[in-house]
Protein backbone atom coordinates (compact mmCIF):
# COMPACT_ATOMS: atom_id res chain seq x y z
CA MET A 1 87.07 136.61 114.81
CA HIS A 2 85.34 134.73 111.98
CA GLN A 3 83.53 131.58 113.05
CA VAL A 4 84.26 128.78 110.57
CA LYS A 5 81.74 125.93 110.65
CA LEU A 6 82.18 122.39 109.33
CA ALA A 7 78.54 121.62 110.17
CA GLU A 8 75.73 123.39 111.97
CA ASN A 9 77.16 122.55 115.39
CA THR A 10 80.83 121.95 114.56
CA TYR A 11 83.48 124.67 114.57
CA TYR A 12 87.02 124.94 113.29
CA LEU A 13 89.46 126.46 115.80
CA GLY A 14 92.71 126.99 113.94
CA TYR A 15 95.85 129.06 114.29
CA ASN A 16 98.61 129.89 111.82
CA ASP A 17 102.26 129.72 112.84
CA ARG A 18 104.33 131.91 110.53
CA ARG A 19 107.20 132.37 113.01
CA THR A 20 108.61 128.87 113.50
CA HIS A 21 111.43 128.02 111.10
CA LEU A 22 111.73 124.29 111.80
CA PHE A 23 108.81 121.92 112.42
CA GLU A 24 109.74 119.46 115.22
CA ASN A 25 112.95 121.53 115.26
CA ILE A 26 114.11 119.51 112.22
CA TRP A 27 112.06 120.20 109.08
CA PRO A 28 112.02 123.61 107.32
CA ILE A 29 108.59 125.22 107.04
CA PRO A 30 109.16 128.36 104.95
CA HIS A 31 105.39 128.61 104.41
CA GLY A 32 104.56 128.02 108.08
CA VAL A 33 102.04 125.53 109.46
CA SER A 34 98.54 125.59 110.89
CA TYR A 35 97.32 123.93 114.09
CA ASN A 36 93.71 122.81 113.86
CA SER A 37 91.32 121.94 116.69
CA TYR A 38 87.58 121.34 116.46
CA LEU A 39 84.64 122.11 118.75
CA ILE A 40 81.31 120.24 118.67
CA VAL A 41 78.45 122.03 120.46
CA ASP A 42 75.54 119.69 121.18
CA GLU A 43 73.70 118.60 124.33
CA LYS A 44 77.23 117.81 125.41
CA ILE A 45 80.24 119.79 124.21
CA ALA A 46 83.37 118.12 122.89
CA LEU A 47 86.75 119.41 121.81
CA VAL A 48 88.70 117.31 119.32
CA ASP A 49 92.42 117.78 120.00
CA THR A 50 93.89 121.10 121.11
CA VAL A 51 96.60 123.41 119.74
CA GLU A 52 100.24 124.33 120.22
CA ARG A 53 100.82 126.09 123.53
CA GLN A 54 101.73 129.50 122.06
CA PHE A 55 98.06 129.90 121.03
CA ILE A 56 96.46 128.95 124.37
CA ASP A 57 95.08 132.38 125.29
CA ASP A 58 93.37 132.95 121.93
CA TYR A 59 92.18 129.35 121.94
CA LEU A 60 90.45 129.61 125.30
CA ASP A 61 88.92 132.96 124.34
CA GLN A 62 87.59 131.52 121.08
CA ILE A 63 86.00 128.54 122.84
CA GLU A 64 84.31 130.85 125.34
CA ALA A 65 83.08 133.14 122.57
CA ILE A 66 81.22 130.18 121.06
CA ILE A 67 79.91 128.33 124.15
CA GLY A 68 79.71 131.14 126.71
CA ASP A 69 79.45 129.85 130.28
CA ARG A 70 78.76 126.25 129.28
CA PRO A 71 81.44 123.73 130.26
CA VAL A 72 83.43 121.56 127.88
CA ASP A 73 82.27 118.03 128.68
CA TYR A 74 84.75 115.99 126.66
CA LEU A 75 88.27 116.51 125.35
CA ILE A 76 88.96 113.91 122.67
CA ILE A 77 92.67 113.21 122.32
CA ASN A 78 93.41 111.68 118.92
CA HIS A 79 97.14 112.32 119.21
CA MET A 80 99.36 113.31 122.12
CA GLU A 81 102.20 115.06 120.30
CA PRO A 82 102.65 118.42 122.05
CA ASP A 83 101.76 120.50 119.00
CA HIS A 84 98.22 119.11 119.46
CA SER A 85 98.12 118.39 123.18
CA GLY A 86 99.76 121.66 124.20
CA ALA A 87 96.57 123.15 125.65
CA ILE A 88 95.37 120.08 127.58
CA LYS A 89 96.44 121.46 130.96
CA ALA A 90 94.85 124.82 130.19
CA ILE A 91 91.57 123.14 129.21
CA LYS A 92 91.64 121.03 132.38
CA THR A 93 92.29 124.15 134.48
CA LYS A 94 89.44 126.13 132.91
CA TYR A 95 87.03 123.18 132.70
CA PRO A 96 88.00 120.99 135.70
CA GLU A 97 85.13 118.54 135.19
CA VAL A 98 86.13 117.75 131.59
CA THR A 99 86.38 114.06 130.69
CA LEU A 100 89.48 113.11 128.71
CA VAL A 101 88.64 110.67 125.92
CA GLY A 102 91.41 108.41 124.62
CA ASN A 103 92.56 104.83 124.25
CA LYS A 104 94.53 102.68 126.68
CA LYS A 105 97.84 104.15 125.48
CA THR A 106 96.71 107.80 125.56
CA PHE A 107 96.58 108.42 129.27
CA GLY A 108 100.13 107.29 129.98
CA PHE A 109 101.26 110.05 127.63
CA VAL A 110 99.01 112.56 129.42
CA GLU A 111 100.69 111.66 132.70
CA SER A 112 104.18 111.82 131.17
CA PHE A 113 103.65 115.26 129.67
CA TYR A 114 101.13 117.06 131.88
CA PHE A 115 99.37 115.49 134.89
CA LYS A 116 97.92 112.24 136.20
CA PRO A 117 94.51 112.02 134.50
CA GLU A 118 91.57 111.12 136.72
CA ASN A 119 88.37 111.81 134.81
CA THR A 120 88.85 109.62 131.73
CA LEU A 121 86.84 107.65 129.19
CA GLU A 122 88.82 104.86 127.55
CA VAL A 123 87.66 103.97 124.03
CA HIS A 124 88.55 101.19 121.60
CA ASP A 125 87.93 100.30 117.96
CA GLY A 126 84.29 100.93 117.10
CA ALA A 127 83.42 102.52 120.47
CA THR A 128 80.92 105.35 120.26
CA LEU A 129 80.09 108.49 122.21
CA GLU A 130 76.76 110.32 121.85
CA LEU A 131 76.79 114.06 122.38
CA GLY A 132 73.12 114.53 121.51
CA GLU A 133 72.43 114.71 117.80
CA VAL A 134 76.06 113.94 117.06
CA LYS A 135 77.31 110.39 117.48
CA LEU A 136 81.07 109.87 117.45
CA GLN A 137 82.89 106.64 116.62
CA PHE A 138 86.55 105.90 117.35
CA GLN A 139 89.09 103.93 115.33
CA MET A 140 92.67 103.15 116.34
CA ILE A 141 95.41 103.85 113.76
CA PRO A 142 98.57 103.19 115.79
CA MET A 143 101.92 104.41 114.43
CA VAL A 144 100.41 107.00 112.10
CA HIS A 145 102.61 108.21 113.54
CA TRP A 146 102.63 107.63 117.34
CA PRO A 147 101.52 104.44 119.14
CA GLU A 148 98.43 106.04 120.71
CA THR A 149 97.11 107.62 117.50
CA MET A 150 93.41 107.26 116.80
CA VAL A 151 90.78 109.03 114.69
CA THR A 152 87.30 110.25 115.55
CA TYR A 153 84.45 109.84 113.06
CA ASP A 154 81.29 111.92 113.35
CA GLU A 155 78.64 109.44 112.14
CA THR A 156 75.99 112.18 112.00
CA ASN A 157 77.80 114.72 109.80
CA LYS A 158 80.19 112.14 108.27
CA ILE A 159 83.31 114.07 109.28
CA LEU A 160 86.58 112.27 109.94
CA PHE A 161 88.74 114.05 112.50
CA SER A 162 91.94 112.45 111.31
CA GLY A 163 94.68 113.85 113.55
CA ASP A 164 97.99 114.13 111.71
CA ALA A 165 96.85 111.80 108.93
CA PHE A 166 96.10 113.75 105.72
CA GLY A 167 97.73 116.85 107.18
CA SER A 168 100.02 119.36 105.52
CA TYR A 169 102.68 121.98 106.07
CA GLY A 170 101.68 125.50 105.07
CA THR A 171 99.48 128.04 106.80
CA LEU A 172 95.84 128.53 105.86
CA ASP A 173 95.97 131.96 104.28
CA GLY A 174 92.30 132.90 104.44
CA GLY A 175 90.98 129.75 102.82
CA VAL A 176 90.32 126.85 105.17
CA PHE A 177 88.50 124.31 102.97
CA ASP A 178 90.01 122.62 99.93
CA ASP A 179 87.53 124.29 97.56
CA GLU A 180 88.55 127.75 98.83
CA ILE A 181 92.22 127.49 97.95
CA ASN A 182 94.53 126.81 95.02
CA LEU A 183 95.77 123.32 95.81
CA ASP A 184 98.85 123.80 93.60
CA PHE A 185 100.41 125.53 96.61
CA TYR A 186 99.83 122.49 98.83
CA GLU A 187 101.07 119.93 96.28
CA VAL A 188 104.62 120.08 97.62
CA GLU A 189 103.73 120.93 101.22
CA ILE A 190 101.38 117.96 101.69
CA MET A 191 103.89 115.54 100.18
CA ARG A 192 106.77 116.96 102.18
CA TYR A 193 104.69 116.71 105.36
CA PHE A 194 103.90 113.07 104.58
CA THR A 195 107.45 112.09 103.61
CA ASN A 196 109.08 113.92 106.53
CA ILE A 197 106.65 113.02 109.31
CA VAL A 198 104.70 109.90 108.32
CA GLY A 199 107.01 108.39 105.70
CA LYS A 200 108.70 105.98 108.10
CA TYR A 201 105.31 104.41 108.80
CA CYS A 202 104.05 103.63 105.29
CA PRO A 203 102.84 100.07 106.12
CA HIS A 204 100.90 101.46 109.09
CA THR A 205 99.46 104.18 106.84
CA GLN A 206 98.30 101.55 104.36
CA ARG A 207 96.60 99.61 107.16
CA ALA A 208 94.88 102.79 108.34
CA ILE A 209 93.62 103.65 104.83
CA LYS A 210 92.13 100.15 104.43
CA LYS A 211 90.65 100.23 107.91
CA LEU A 212 88.90 103.57 107.34
CA ALA A 213 87.71 102.73 103.81
CA PRO A 214 84.29 101.36 104.91
CA LEU A 215 83.39 104.68 106.60
CA ASP A 216 81.13 107.04 104.64
CA ILE A 217 83.43 110.06 104.87
CA LYS A 218 82.20 113.38 103.44
CA MET A 219 84.83 115.58 105.09
CA ILE A 220 88.36 115.10 106.43
CA ALA A 221 89.44 117.47 109.19
CA ALA A 222 93.13 117.03 110.01
CA THR A 223 95.17 118.79 112.67
CA HIS A 224 97.36 120.58 110.09
CA GLY A 225 96.45 122.07 106.73
CA PRO A 226 93.21 122.30 104.76
CA ILE A 227 89.88 120.69 105.63
CA TRP A 228 88.79 118.41 102.77
CA ARG A 229 85.10 118.61 101.84
CA THR A 230 84.96 118.72 98.02
CA ASP A 231 87.79 116.68 96.51
CA LEU A 232 88.72 114.11 99.14
CA ASP A 233 90.31 111.92 96.49
CA TRP A 234 92.95 114.60 95.91
CA VAL A 235 94.55 113.84 99.26
CA LEU A 236 93.48 110.19 99.65
CA SER A 237 94.94 109.12 96.30
CA ARG A 238 98.23 110.84 97.06
CA TYR A 239 98.55 109.25 100.50
CA ASN A 240 97.83 105.88 98.93
CA LYS A 241 100.47 106.39 96.23
CA TRP A 242 103.18 107.59 98.59
CA SER A 243 102.56 104.94 101.26
CA THR A 244 102.93 102.14 98.68
CA TYR A 245 106.28 103.56 97.46
CA ASP A 246 104.75 104.09 94.02
CA THR A 247 107.36 106.22 92.24
CA ASP A 248 107.81 107.95 88.89
CA PRO A 249 110.75 107.23 86.51
CA GLY A 250 113.03 110.06 87.60
CA VAL A 251 116.41 110.28 89.32
CA ILE A 252 117.76 112.18 92.30
CA VAL A 253 121.50 112.79 92.16
CA VAL A 254 122.90 113.91 95.52
CA TYR A 255 126.52 114.71 96.22
CA GLY A 256 128.81 116.02 98.94
CA SER A 257 131.82 117.85 97.51
CA MET A 258 134.49 119.98 99.17
CA TYR A 259 136.40 121.29 96.14
CA GLY A 260 134.15 120.38 93.23
CA ASN A 261 135.56 117.06 92.00
CA THR A 262 132.64 114.96 93.26
CA GLN A 263 130.26 117.58 91.88
CA LYS A 264 131.82 117.17 88.42
CA MET A 265 131.03 113.47 88.53
CA ALA A 266 127.43 114.29 89.46
CA GLU A 267 127.13 116.69 86.52
CA VAL A 268 128.43 114.06 84.07
CA ILE A 269 125.93 111.51 85.38
CA ALA A 270 123.03 113.96 85.24
CA ARG A 271 123.81 115.03 81.68
CA GLN A 272 123.98 111.45 80.46
CA LEU A 273 120.67 110.65 82.13
CA SER A 274 119.18 113.53 80.16
CA GLU A 275 120.79 112.28 76.93
CA ARG A 276 119.01 108.99 77.56
CA GLY A 277 115.62 110.69 77.77
CA ILE A 278 115.12 110.90 81.53
CA LYS A 279 113.30 114.20 82.07
CA ASP A 280 112.83 114.27 85.85
CA ILE A 281 116.37 114.70 87.18
CA ARG A 282 117.06 116.54 90.43
CA VAL A 283 120.68 117.28 91.35
CA TYR A 284 121.27 118.35 94.96
CA ASP A 285 124.30 119.53 96.89
CA ALA A 286 123.82 117.85 100.29
CA SER A 287 125.48 120.84 101.98
CA LYS A 288 122.92 123.28 100.66
CA THR A 289 119.58 121.51 100.29
CA HIS A 290 117.90 120.32 103.48
CA SER A 291 117.22 116.59 103.65
CA SER A 292 113.48 117.39 103.93
CA TYR A 293 113.35 118.25 100.22
CA ILE A 294 115.65 115.43 99.11
CA ILE A 295 113.65 112.80 100.99
CA ASN A 296 110.51 114.21 99.45
CA ASP A 297 111.92 113.59 95.97
CA ILE A 298 113.07 110.09 96.93
CA PHE A 299 109.42 109.25 97.57
CA LYS A 300 108.64 110.76 94.17
CA TYR A 301 111.32 109.22 91.92
CA LYS A 302 112.60 105.68 91.52
CA GLY A 303 116.31 106.36 90.94
CA PHE A 304 118.76 107.54 93.60
CA ILE A 305 122.42 108.20 92.80
CA VAL A 306 124.56 109.40 95.69
CA GLY A 307 128.15 110.59 95.75
CA SER A 308 130.50 111.58 98.54
CA CYS A 309 134.03 112.84 98.80
CA ALA A 310 136.17 111.41 101.57
CA TYR A 311 136.29 113.47 104.74
CA ASN A 312 138.67 112.49 107.56
CA ASN A 313 138.62 108.87 106.38
CA ALA A 314 134.83 108.89 106.45
CA MET A 315 131.87 110.08 104.43
CA PHE A 316 131.16 113.77 103.92
CA PRO A 317 129.11 114.73 107.03
CA ASN A 318 126.10 116.18 105.19
CA VAL A 319 125.79 113.07 103.03
CA GLN A 320 126.15 110.94 106.15
CA THR A 321 123.26 112.77 107.81
CA LEU A 322 121.06 112.32 104.74
CA ILE A 323 121.65 108.61 104.23
CA THR A 324 121.25 107.92 107.96
CA THR A 325 117.81 109.56 107.77
CA ILE A 326 116.90 107.58 104.62
CA GLU A 327 118.01 104.34 106.24
CA HIS A 328 116.07 105.15 109.41
CA MET A 329 112.90 105.77 107.37
CA GLY A 330 113.18 102.36 105.71
CA ILE A 331 112.14 103.58 102.27
CA LYS A 332 111.63 100.63 99.87
CA ASP A 333 112.02 99.71 96.20
CA HIS A 334 114.52 102.06 94.57
CA TYR A 335 117.36 101.82 92.08
CA LEU A 336 120.71 102.93 93.52
CA GLY A 337 124.00 104.23 92.16
CA VAL A 338 127.12 105.14 94.17
CA PHE A 339 130.11 107.31 93.30
CA GLY A 340 132.70 109.47 95.02
CA ASN A 341 136.12 111.02 95.20
CA TYR A 342 139.14 111.15 97.50
CA ALA A 343 142.50 112.91 97.68
CA TRP A 344 144.76 110.77 99.89
CA ASN A 345 142.61 108.15 101.60
CA GLY A 346 139.14 106.80 100.94
CA GLY A 347 136.06 106.80 103.12
CA GLY A 348 133.18 108.23 101.13
CA VAL A 349 132.42 105.37 98.75
CA LYS A 350 133.36 102.68 101.27
CA ASN A 351 130.75 103.98 103.70
CA LEU A 352 128.16 104.55 100.99
CA MET A 353 128.47 100.85 100.16
CA LYS A 354 127.61 100.03 103.78
CA PHE A 355 124.46 102.08 103.23
CA ALA A 356 123.80 100.11 100.02
CA GLU A 357 124.08 96.83 101.94
CA ASN A 358 121.73 98.04 104.67
CA ILE A 359 119.06 99.65 102.49
CA LYS A 360 118.92 96.66 100.09
CA TRP A 361 117.98 98.71 97.04
CA ASP A 362 118.83 97.48 93.55
CA LEU A 363 122.45 98.61 92.90
CA VAL A 364 122.52 99.27 89.15
CA HIS A 365 126.33 99.55 88.68
CA ASP A 366 129.55 98.97 90.55
CA PRO A 367 130.58 101.96 92.70
CA ILE A 368 132.84 104.54 91.05
CA GLU A 369 135.62 106.26 93.00
CA GLU A 370 138.05 108.78 91.53
CA LYS A 371 141.28 110.07 93.06
CA GLY A 372 141.62 113.82 92.57
CA ALA A 373 140.43 115.37 89.33
CA LEU A 374 137.98 113.48 87.09
CA LYS A 375 139.89 111.58 84.41
CA LYS A 376 138.86 109.81 81.23
CA ASP A 377 138.37 106.28 82.58
CA LYS A 378 136.21 107.39 85.52
CA PHE A 379 134.39 109.84 83.24
CA GLU A 380 133.41 106.85 81.09
CA GLN A 381 132.36 104.91 84.17
CA CYS A 382 130.08 107.79 85.18
CA ILE A 383 128.51 107.54 81.73
CA ASP A 384 128.09 103.79 82.24
CA LEU A 385 126.45 104.35 85.64
CA ALA A 386 123.98 106.82 84.13
CA ASN A 387 123.22 104.39 81.30
CA ALA A 388 122.65 101.53 83.73
CA MET A 389 120.20 103.67 85.71
CA ALA A 390 118.43 104.82 82.55
CA ASP A 391 118.16 101.22 81.29
CA LYS A 392 116.43 100.21 84.52
CA LEU A 393 114.02 103.13 84.46
CA LEU A 394 113.15 102.84 80.78
CA GLN A 395 112.52 99.10 81.05
CA ALA A 396 110.21 99.48 84.04
């Protein structure tokens, strides 16, 4: 197997998962995902995070191929989520004298998931660990995106081992470093990873970015996706934009429709937005497009117009699932429009207005609700809703 080095004594140990359909059993990953671990071979040997359990055998073999009969002295646990901690028990079994390195919240997770840790080194903000030539420093970045999350900074080689921060969906198809790959492929996958996984914790992400800013970082080595060594600003600037809810003047129109009447309203709204000069318009059927992609575009565009038919006196279930996820993520600072349709009793629009009250976005127009087929007066109101949204976006 190729040995990929980040520095003279630092190795990338990564594995590509092209089999899993849903990351965290929620989010679609049609292009797969990589799991990245790192090995530092110095007077002392340290592993930085591990890998998902399906790769344990290859992982242990690869470590042994590099270090031979030497023991692993330290296992640094930046993040305890099982896709990164999955091999902890295997490492402990093979290297029983290994010292687990984490913060005061880390070891409770180790006990919950695997075993009661005994040989531990608790670190805090600014704590250091010398391996020989390499000196490591630790910084806590809680809630990016678990409470025990921290990062490890190699002061000697100026590498930031960033855990899930600055990670990405998508396997590493030959290229490992940012300058070896066409980043156009990762444009969507990095944003979708951020919006799906980290998006709920934007204020915490902002705090982490500011906290790490003083470090002289030459390379970012995350636990998913490419290693950044040439154009760090490519990923840093995007994380900064997304975590401040900085959006572009486009509109997402999402609808749930059983027989096409709510869809017709969505089409009228979308066409009028285009007539008004809005170029970035995305129209989604909530029954077909996974919320992963819709949420991604909500982080991208300022306008959100959502429509639902009535379904058993309630909202259409797929729209309900989407807006519950949006509400849970606490996304800020958007313009909102609401519309819908019913046959014999309402439920869609009424419940969407509860969402509007909870999310506290700027409602650009009164809600529109049609009974049955779209008629002239509601057609005109759909035009008015589109115009109200366009006015907001064009004035911004």
